[in-house]
Amino acid sequence: MFNKKIGYILVIALAAGLGLLAAQHWLAPAPSKAALPQTRAVTLFPQSREVPAFSLRQSDGTQLTAGELKGHWTLVFLGFTSCPDVCPTTLAELAQAQKQWTALPESIRPRLLFVSVDPERDDPAKVGEYAHAFHPDTLAATADVPALENFAKSLGFVFIKVPGKHFDENPRDYSMDHSSGIAVLDPQGRQAGLIRAPLDPVAIAADMLALTDASSEGARTSP
């Protein structure tokens, strides 16, 4: 009887162990096929995070969805066109980085997406005119507030309207407080990392070029 009980215990333990291994195999994220390089400006996450489905309106009137960003490393920055300091400074610094990767083929060239969180004053065309003044390749978009809130939250960002002194008399007298970080999306459209201020355009450009090269090499060597 004692030996039989021991046998039952061993069988149950073995089954539990096999079940755990199976769960780890099926539930654990698949490892990257190409090791990512060390970065200076980009803080890479231990594991890329899925970005929920979203839909934004681009400056040319077309919809921008998650699928549109696949195939490229993408930087995402939230702001608004009436921003007095952070937004123009950030876009100017990012434009310096963008100039460093313009020689890459368009099919793999990193992208910058500027999203206005002030749709009341920033229609898609205005957002595009503003962003393209810094660099013509910048993607520009906005959406209604609920869609923007969901998009921002999915990236770990926030924004809020801050009424001005004359808001009661003029409802357009307000500013927008928003996260100043830059989300880094990988070619699968997942959030792979974050860039925080102060920005170093040279380091950002070097990181994005290295990440793009690593992804391209991984695509060439994958079976």
C-alpha atoms as a PDB file:
ATOM      1  CA  MET A   1       0.000   0.000   0.000  1.00  0.00           C
ATOM      2  CA  PHE A   2       2.813   2.381   0.911  1.00  0.00           C
ATOM      3  CA  ASN A   3       4.636   1.789  -2.382  1.00  0.00           C
ATOM      4  CA  LYS A   4       1.416   2.237  -4.320  1.00  0.00           C
ATOM      5  CA  LYS A   5       0.793   5.598  -2.653  1.00  0.00           C
ATOM      6  CA  ILE A   6       4.341   6.681  -3.443  1.00  0.00           C
ATOM      7  CA  GLY A   7       3.749   5.666  -7.056  1.00  0.00           C
ATOM      8  CA  TYR A   8       0.559   7.743  -7.240  1.00  0.00           C
ATOM      9  CA  ILE A   9       2.374  10.757  -5.798  1.00  0.00           C
ATOM     10  CA  LEU A  10       5.203  10.424  -8.329  1.00  0.00           C
ATOM     11  CA  VAL A  11       2.744  10.152 -11.234  1.00  0.00           C
ATOM     12  CA  ILE A  12       0.835  13.236 -10.058  1.00  0.00           C
ATOM     13  CA  ALA A  13       4.068  15.198  -9.585  1.00  0.00           C
ATOM     14  CA  LEU A  14       5.286  14.199 -13.041  1.00  0.00           C
ATOM     15  CA  ALA A  15       1.987  15.207 -14.630  1.00  0.00           C
ATOM     16  CA  ALA A  16       2.047  18.548 -12.812  1.00  0.00           C
ATOM     17  CA  GLY A  17       5.619  19.133 -13.959  1.00  0.00           C
ATOM     18  CA  LEU A  18       4.766  18.348 -17.575  1.00  0.00           C
ATOM     19  CA  GLY A  19       1.745  20.626 -17.360  1.00  0.00           C
ATOM     20  CA  LEU A  20       3.889  23.457 -16.057  1.00  0.00           C
ATOM     21  CA  LEU A  21       6.409  22.983 -18.869  1.00  0.00           C
ATOM     22  CA  ALA A  22       3.612  22.964 -21.437  1.00  0.00           C
ATOM     23  CA  ALA A  23       2.110  26.130 -19.974  1.00  0.00           C
ATOM     24  CA  GLN A  24       5.483  27.856 -20.062  1.00  0.00           C
ATOM     25  CA  HIS A  25       5.929  26.801 -23.680  1.00  0.00           C
ATOM     26  CA  TRP A  26       2.522  27.960 -24.894  1.00  0.00           C
ATOM     27  CA  LEU A  27       1.996  31.027 -22.719  1.00  0.00           C
ATOM     28  CA  ALA A  28       5.497  32.512 -22.586  1.00  0.00           C
ATOM     29  CA  PRO A  29       6.254  35.165 -25.231  1.00  0.00           C
ATOM     30  CA  ALA A  30       8.308  33.921 -28.141  1.00  0.00           C
ATOM     31  CA  PRO A  31      11.949  35.026 -27.876  1.00  0.00           C
ATOM     32  CA  SER A  32      13.287  37.530 -30.371  1.00  0.00           C
ATOM     33  CA  LYS A  33      15.103  35.997 -33.313  1.00  0.00           C
ATOM     34  CA  ALA A  34      17.595  38.841 -33.395  1.00  0.00           C
ATOM     35  CA  ALA A  35      19.271  40.112 -30.248  1.00  0.00           C
ATOM     36  CA  LEU A  36      18.697  43.836 -29.887  1.00  0.00           C
ATOM     37  CA  PRO A  37      21.741  46.085 -29.539  1.00  0.00           C
ATOM     38  CA  GLN A  38      22.707  48.124 -26.507  1.00  0.00           C
ATOM     39  CA  THR A  39      21.081  51.562 -26.648  1.00  0.00           C
ATOM     40  CA  ARG A  40      21.901  54.919 -25.077  1.00  0.00           C
ATOM     41  CA  ALA A  41      18.783  57.058 -25.519  1.00  0.00           C
ATOM     42  CA  VAL A  42      16.180  54.288 -25.769  1.00  0.00           C
ATOM     43  CA  THR A  43      15.299  52.392 -22.601  1.00  0.00           C
ATOM     44  CA  LEU A  44      14.239  48.980 -23.894  1.00  0.00           C
ATOM     45  CA  PHE A  45      11.684  46.949 -21.929  1.00  0.00           C
ATOM     46  CA  PRO A  46      12.569  43.384 -20.892  1.00  0.00           C
ATOM     47  CA  GLN A  47       9.627  42.277 -23.040  1.00  0.00           C
ATOM     48  CA  SER A  48       7.770  44.219 -25.750  1.00  0.00           C
ATOM     49  CA  ARG A  49       4.163  45.097 -24.893  1.00  0.00           C
ATOM     50  CA  GLU A  50       1.217  44.651 -27.221  1.00  0.00           C
ATOM     51  CA  VAL A  51      -0.535  47.907 -28.144  1.00  0.00           C
ATOM     52  CA  PRO A  52      -4.347  47.538 -28.288  1.00  0.00           C
ATOM     53  CA  ALA A  53      -6.123  48.344 -31.542  1.00  0.00           C
ATOM     54  CA  PHE A  54      -6.495  52.063 -32.243  1.00  0.00           C
ATOM     55  CA  SER A  55      -7.676  54.355 -35.007  1.00  0.00           C
ATOM     56  CA  LEU A  56      -6.408  57.888 -35.515  1.00  0.00           C
ATOM     57  CA  ARG A  57      -7.129  60.399 -38.279  1.00  0.00           C
ATOM     58  CA  GLN A  58      -4.017  61.363 -40.238  1.00  0.00           C
ATOM     59  CA  SER A  59      -3.308  64.790 -41.648  1.00  0.00           C
ATOM     60  CA  ASP A  60      -4.264  63.614 -45.160  1.00  0.00           C
ATOM     61  CA  GLY A  61      -7.661  62.441 -43.907  1.00  0.00           C
ATOM     62  CA  THR A  62      -6.890  58.710 -43.941  1.00  0.00           C
ATOM     63  CA  GLN A  63      -7.146  56.430 -40.923  1.00  0.00           C
ATOM     64  CA  LEU A  64      -4.001  55.380 -39.076  1.00  0.00           C
ATOM     65  CA  THR A  65      -4.328  51.975 -37.429  1.00  0.00           C
ATOM     66  CA  ALA A  66      -1.871  49.706 -35.638  1.00  0.00           C
ATOM     67  CA  GLY A  67      -1.250  47.717 -38.818  1.00  0.00           C
ATOM     68  CA  GLU A  68      -0.012  50.827 -40.622  1.00  0.00           C
ATOM     69  CA  LEU A  69       2.960  51.081 -38.260  1.00  0.00           C
ATOM     70  CA  LYS A  70       4.227  47.553 -38.736  1.00  0.00           C
ATOM     71  CA  GLY A  71       7.488  46.980 -40.573  1.00  0.00           C
ATOM     72  CA  HIS A  72       9.225  50.008 -39.059  1.00  0.00           C
ATOM     73  CA  TRP A  73      10.620  51.150 -35.754  1.00  0.00           C
ATOM     74  CA  THR A  74       8.395  54.072 -34.755  1.00  0.00           C
ATOM     75  CA  LEU A  75       8.699  56.906 -32.244  1.00  0.00           C
ATOM     76  CA  VAL A  76       5.399  58.231 -30.870  1.00  0.00           C
ATOM     77  CA  PHE A  77       5.153  61.663 -29.259  1.00  0.00           C
ATOM     78  CA  LEU A  78       1.995  63.283 -27.872  1.00  0.00           C
ATOM     79  CA  GLY A  79       1.546  67.056 -27.913  1.00  0.00           C
ATOM     80  CA  PHE A  80      -0.502  69.912 -29.380  1.00  0.00           C
ATOM     81  CA  THR A  81       0.147  72.739 -31.807  1.00  0.00           C
ATOM     82  CA  SER A  82      -0.382  75.533 -29.239  1.00  0.00           C
ATOM     83  CA  CYS A  83       2.268  74.054 -26.958  1.00  0.00           C
ATOM     84  CA  PRO A  84       4.637  76.880 -25.970  1.00  0.00           C
ATOM     85  CA  ASP A  85       7.835  74.973 -25.263  1.00  0.00           C
ATOM     86  CA  VAL A  86       8.041  71.179 -24.846  1.00  0.00           C
ATOM     87  CA  CYS A  87       6.413  70.225 -28.154  1.00  0.00           C
ATOM     88  CA  PRO A  88       8.353  72.496 -30.532  1.00  0.00           C
ATOM     89  CA  THR A  89      11.609  71.765 -28.721  1.00  0.00           C
ATOM     90  CA  THR A  90      11.021  68.006 -28.839  1.00  0.00           C
ATOM     91  CA  LEU A  91       9.997  67.984 -32.503  1.00  0.00           C
ATOM     92  CA  ALA A  92      13.011  70.127 -33.436  1.00  0.00           C
ATOM     93  CA  GLU A  93      15.367  67.734 -31.638  1.00  0.00           C
ATOM     94  CA  LEU A  94      13.696  64.699 -33.177  1.00  0.00           C
ATOM     95  CA  ALA A  95      13.993  66.304 -36.610  1.00  0.00           C
ATOM     96  CA  GLN A  96      17.764  66.330 -36.110  1.00  0.00           C
ATOM     97  CA  ALA A  97      17.615  62.589 -35.494  1.00  0.00           C
ATOM     98  CA  GLN A  98      15.336  62.026 -38.493  1.00  0.00           C
ATOM     99  CA  LYS A  99      17.891  63.630 -40.798  1.00  0.00           C
ATOM    100  CA  GLN A 100      20.377  60.908 -39.824  1.00  0.00           C
ATOM    101  CA  TRP A 101      18.231  58.069 -41.192  1.00  0.00           C
ATOM    102  CA  THR A 102      16.789  59.645 -44.358  1.00  0.00           C
ATOM    103  CA  ALA A 103      19.308  57.679 -46.442  1.00  0.00           C
ATOM    104  CA  LEU A 104      17.716  54.376 -45.403  1.00  0.00           C
ATOM    105  CA  PRO A 105      15.236  52.760 -47.820  1.00  0.00           C
ATOM    106  CA  GLU A 106      11.700  53.975 -47.119  1.00  0.00           C
ATOM    107  CA  SER A 107      10.583  50.381 -46.562  1.00  0.00           C
ATOM    108  CA  ILE A 108      12.606  50.105 -43.336  1.00  0.00           C
ATOM    109  CA  ARG A 109      13.217  53.746 -42.395  1.00  0.00           C
ATOM    110  CA  PRO A 110      12.258  54.599 -38.779  1.00  0.00           C
ATOM    111  CA  ARG A 111       9.178  56.744 -38.392  1.00  0.00           C
ATOM    112  CA  LEU A 112       8.067  59.527 -36.100  1.00  0.00           C
ATOM    113  CA  LEU A 113       4.375  59.865 -35.247  1.00  0.00           C
ATOM    114  CA  PHE A 114       3.152  63.116 -33.676  1.00  0.00           C
ATOM    115  CA  VAL A 115      -0.323  62.847 -32.152  1.00  0.00           C
ATOM    116  CA  SER A 116      -2.200  65.960 -31.046  1.00  0.00           C
ATOM    117  CA  VAL A 117      -4.174  65.522 -27.835  1.00  0.00           C
ATOM    118  CA  ASP A 118      -6.058  68.789 -28.511  1.00  0.00           C
ATOM    119  CA  PRO A 119      -8.621  67.850 -31.182  1.00  0.00           C
ATOM    120  CA  GLU A 120     -10.828  70.805 -30.214  1.00  0.00           C
ATOM    121  CA  ARG A 121      -8.288  73.232 -31.678  1.00  0.00           C
ATOM    122  CA  ASP A 122      -6.163  70.884 -33.806  1.00  0.00           C
ATOM    123  CA  ASP A 123      -7.867  69.317 -36.799  1.00  0.00           C
ATOM    124  CA  PRO A 124      -5.820  66.722 -38.750  1.00  0.00           C
ATOM    125  CA  ALA A 125      -4.727  69.213 -41.419  1.00  0.00           C
ATOM    126  CA  LYS A 126      -3.467  71.677 -38.808  1.00  0.00           C
ATOM    127  CA  VAL A 127      -1.565  68.922 -37.008  1.00  0.00           C
ATOM    128  CA  GLY A 128       0.079  67.913 -40.274  1.00  0.00           C
ATOM    129  CA  GLU A 129       1.059  71.479 -41.189  1.00  0.00           C
ATOM    130  CA  TYR A 130       2.598  71.930 -37.747  1.00  0.00           C
ATOM    131  CA  ALA A 131       4.522  68.632 -37.671  1.00  0.00           C
ATOM    132  CA  HIS A 132       5.751  68.875 -41.274  1.00  0.00           C
ATOM    133  CA  ALA A 133       7.291  72.266 -40.552  1.00  0.00           C
ATOM    134  CA  PHE A 134       9.841  70.395 -38.435  1.00  0.00           C
ATOM    135  CA  HIS A 135      10.358  67.441 -40.794  1.00  0.00           C
ATOM    136  CA  PRO A 136       8.304  66.465 -43.872  1.00  0.00           C
ATOM    137  CA  ASP A 137       8.444  62.723 -43.099  1.00  0.00           C
ATOM    138  CA  THR A 138       6.709  63.027 -39.732  1.00  0.00           C
ATOM    139  CA  LEU A 139       3.373  61.242 -39.490  1.00  0.00           C
ATOM    140  CA  ALA A 140       0.728  63.472 -37.899  1.00  0.00           C
ATOM    141  CA  ALA A 141      -2.649  62.481 -36.503  1.00  0.00           C
ATOM    142  CA  THR A 142      -5.344  63.113 -33.917  1.00  0.00           C
ATOM    143  CA  ALA A 143      -8.729  61.674 -32.929  1.00  0.00           C
ATOM    144  CA  ASP A 144     -11.658  62.338 -30.610  1.00  0.00           C
ATOM    145  CA  VAL A 145     -10.850  62.559 -26.912  1.00  0.00           C
ATOM    146  CA  PRO A 146     -11.996  59.041 -25.907  1.00  0.00           C
ATOM    147  CA  ALA A 147      -9.887  57.461 -28.661  1.00  0.00           C
ATOM    148  CA  LEU A 148      -6.912  59.619 -27.704  1.00  0.00           C
ATOM    149  CA  GLU A 149      -7.283  58.687 -24.033  1.00  0.00           C
ATOM    150  CA  ASN A 150      -7.283  54.984 -24.884  1.00  0.00           C
ATOM    151  CA  PHE A 151      -4.279  55.372 -27.167  1.00  0.00           C
ATOM    152  CA  ALA A 152      -2.314  57.390 -24.613  1.00  0.00           C
ATOM    153  CA  LYS A 153      -3.159  54.982 -21.802  1.00  0.00           C
ATOM    154  CA  SER A 154      -2.012  52.007 -23.872  1.00  0.00           C
ATOM    155  CA  LEU A 155       1.443  53.649 -24.116  1.00  0.00           C
ATOM    156  CA  GLY A 156       1.564  54.605 -20.435  1.00  0.00           C
ATOM    157  CA  PHE A 157       0.913  58.290 -21.209  1.00  0.00           C
ATOM    158  CA  VAL A 158      -1.629  60.796 -19.882  1.00  0.00           C
ATOM    159  CA  PHE A 159      -2.946  64.219 -20.845  1.00  0.00           C
ATOM    160  CA  ILE A 160      -5.396  66.685 -19.319  1.00  0.00           C
ATOM    161  CA  LYS A 161      -6.965  70.018 -20.245  1.00  0.00           C
ATOM    162  CA  VAL A 162      -5.885  72.894 -17.982  1.00  0.00           C
ATOM    163  CA  PRO A 163      -8.261  75.924 -18.102  1.00  0.00           C
ATOM    164  CA  GLY A 164      -6.689  79.365 -18.398  1.00  0.00           C
ATOM    165  CA  LYS A 165      -7.555  82.497 -16.425  1.00  0.00           C
ATOM    166  CA  HIS A 166     -10.240  83.542 -18.914  1.00  0.00           C
ATOM    167  CA  PHE A 167     -11.661  80.088 -19.609  1.00  0.00           C
ATOM    168  CA  ASP A 168     -15.142  81.046 -18.332  1.00  0.00           C
ATOM    169  CA  GLU A 169     -15.397  83.845 -20.895  1.00  0.00           C
ATOM    170  CA  ASN A 170     -13.396  82.052 -23.606  1.00  0.00           C
ATOM    171  CA  PRO A 171     -13.705  78.234 -23.673  1.00  0.00           C
ATOM    172  CA  ARG A 172     -10.651  78.037 -25.945  1.00  0.00           C
ATOM    173  CA  ASP A 173      -8.440  79.611 -23.297  1.00  0.00           C
ATOM    174  CA  TYR A 174      -6.744  76.493 -22.009  1.00  0.00           C
ATOM    175  CA  SER A 175      -3.567  74.492 -22.259  1.00  0.00           C
ATOM    176  CA  MET A 176      -2.855  70.761 -22.337  1.00  0.00           C
ATOM    177  CA  ASP A 177      -0.641  69.012 -19.825  1.00  0.00           C
ATOM    178  CA  HIS A 178       0.719  65.795 -21.320  1.00  0.00           C
ATOM    179  CA  SER A 179       3.420  63.195 -20.887  1.00  0.00           C
ATOM    180  CA  SER A 180       6.692  64.272 -22.459  1.00  0.00           C
ATOM    181  CA  GLY A 181       8.124  60.801 -23.005  1.00  0.00           C
ATOM    182  CA  ILE A 182       8.474  59.192 -26.429  1.00  0.00           C
ATOM    183  CA  ALA A 183       7.162  55.668 -26.963  1.00  0.00           C
ATOM    184  CA  VAL A 184       9.286  53.326 -29.078  1.00  0.00           C
ATOM    185  CA  LEU A 185       7.348  50.784 -31.149  1.00  0.00           C
ATOM    186  CA  ASP A 186       9.050  47.805 -32.787  1.00  0.00           C
ATOM    187  CA  PRO A 187       8.369  46.564 -36.352  1.00  0.00           C
ATOM    188  CA  GLN A 188       5.576  44.334 -34.992  1.00  0.00           C
ATOM    189  CA  GLY A 189       3.775  47.406 -33.647  1.00  0.00           C
ATOM    190  CA  ARG A 190       4.502  46.542 -30.006  1.00  0.00           C
ATOM    191  CA  GLN A 191       5.863  49.033 -27.492  1.00  0.00           C
ATOM    192  CA  ALA A 192       9.481  48.025 -27.038  1.00  0.00           C
ATOM    193  CA  GLY A 193      10.797  50.937 -25.033  1.00  0.00           C
ATOM    194  CA  LEU A 194      10.740  54.578 -24.032  1.00  0.00           C
ATOM    195  CA  ILE A 195      12.816  57.728 -24.508  1.00  0.00           C
ATOM    196  CA  ARG A 196      12.824  60.306 -21.725  1.00  0.00           C
ATOM    197  CA  ALA A 197      14.066  63.897 -21.584  1.00  0.00           C
ATOM    198  CA  PRO A 198      16.579  65.394 -21.908  1.00  0.00           C
ATOM    199  CA  LEU A 199      16.828  64.282 -25.505  1.00  0.00           C
ATOM    200  CA  ASP A 200      20.077  63.573 -27.313  1.00  0.00           C
ATOM    201  CA  PRO A 201      19.347  63.645 -31.067  1.00  0.00           C
ATOM    202  CA  VAL A 202      22.669  62.000 -31.954  1.00  0.00           C
ATOM    203  CA  ALA A 203      22.085  59.125 -29.530  1.00  0.00           C
ATOM    204  CA  ILE A 204      18.458  58.729 -30.638  1.00  0.00           C
ATOM    205  CA  ALA A 205      19.511  58.521 -34.281  1.00  0.00           C
ATOM    206  CA  ALA A 206      22.251  56.006 -33.488  1.00  0.00           C
ATOM    207  CA  ASP A 207      19.847  53.843 -31.467  1.00  0.00           C
ATOM    208  CA  MET A 208      17.163  53.823 -34.153  1.00  0.00           C
ATOM    209  CA  LEU A 209      19.690  52.987 -36.859  1.00  0.00           C
ATOM    210  CA  ALA A 210      21.109  50.134 -34.751  1.00  0.00           C
ATOM    211  CA  LEU A 211      17.639  48.774 -33.927  1.00  0.00           C
ATOM    212  CA  THR A 212      16.605  48.935 -37.574  1.00  0.00           C
ATOM    213  CA  ASP A 213      19.791  47.170 -38.646  1.00  0.00           C
ATOM    214  CA  ALA A 214      19.289  44.434 -36.030  1.00  0.00           C
ATOM    215  CA  SER A 215      15.699  43.841 -37.143  1.00  0.00           C
ATOM    216  CA  SER A 216      16.695  43.776 -40.807  1.00  0.00           C
ATOM    217  CA  GLU A 217      19.504  41.300 -40.078  1.00  0.00           C
ATOM    218  CA  GLY A 218      17.100  39.125 -38.126  1.00  0.00           C
ATOM    219  CA  ALA A 219      14.647  39.140 -41.028  1.00  0.00           C
ATOM    220  CA  ARG A 220      17.410  38.137 -43.447  1.00  0.00           C
ATOM    221  CA  THR A 221      18.646  35.242 -41.320  1.00  0.00           C
ATOM    222  CA  SER A 222      15.271  33.876 -40.183  1.00  0.00           C
ATOM    223  CA  PRO A 223      14.171  30.653 -41.939  1.00  0.00           C
END
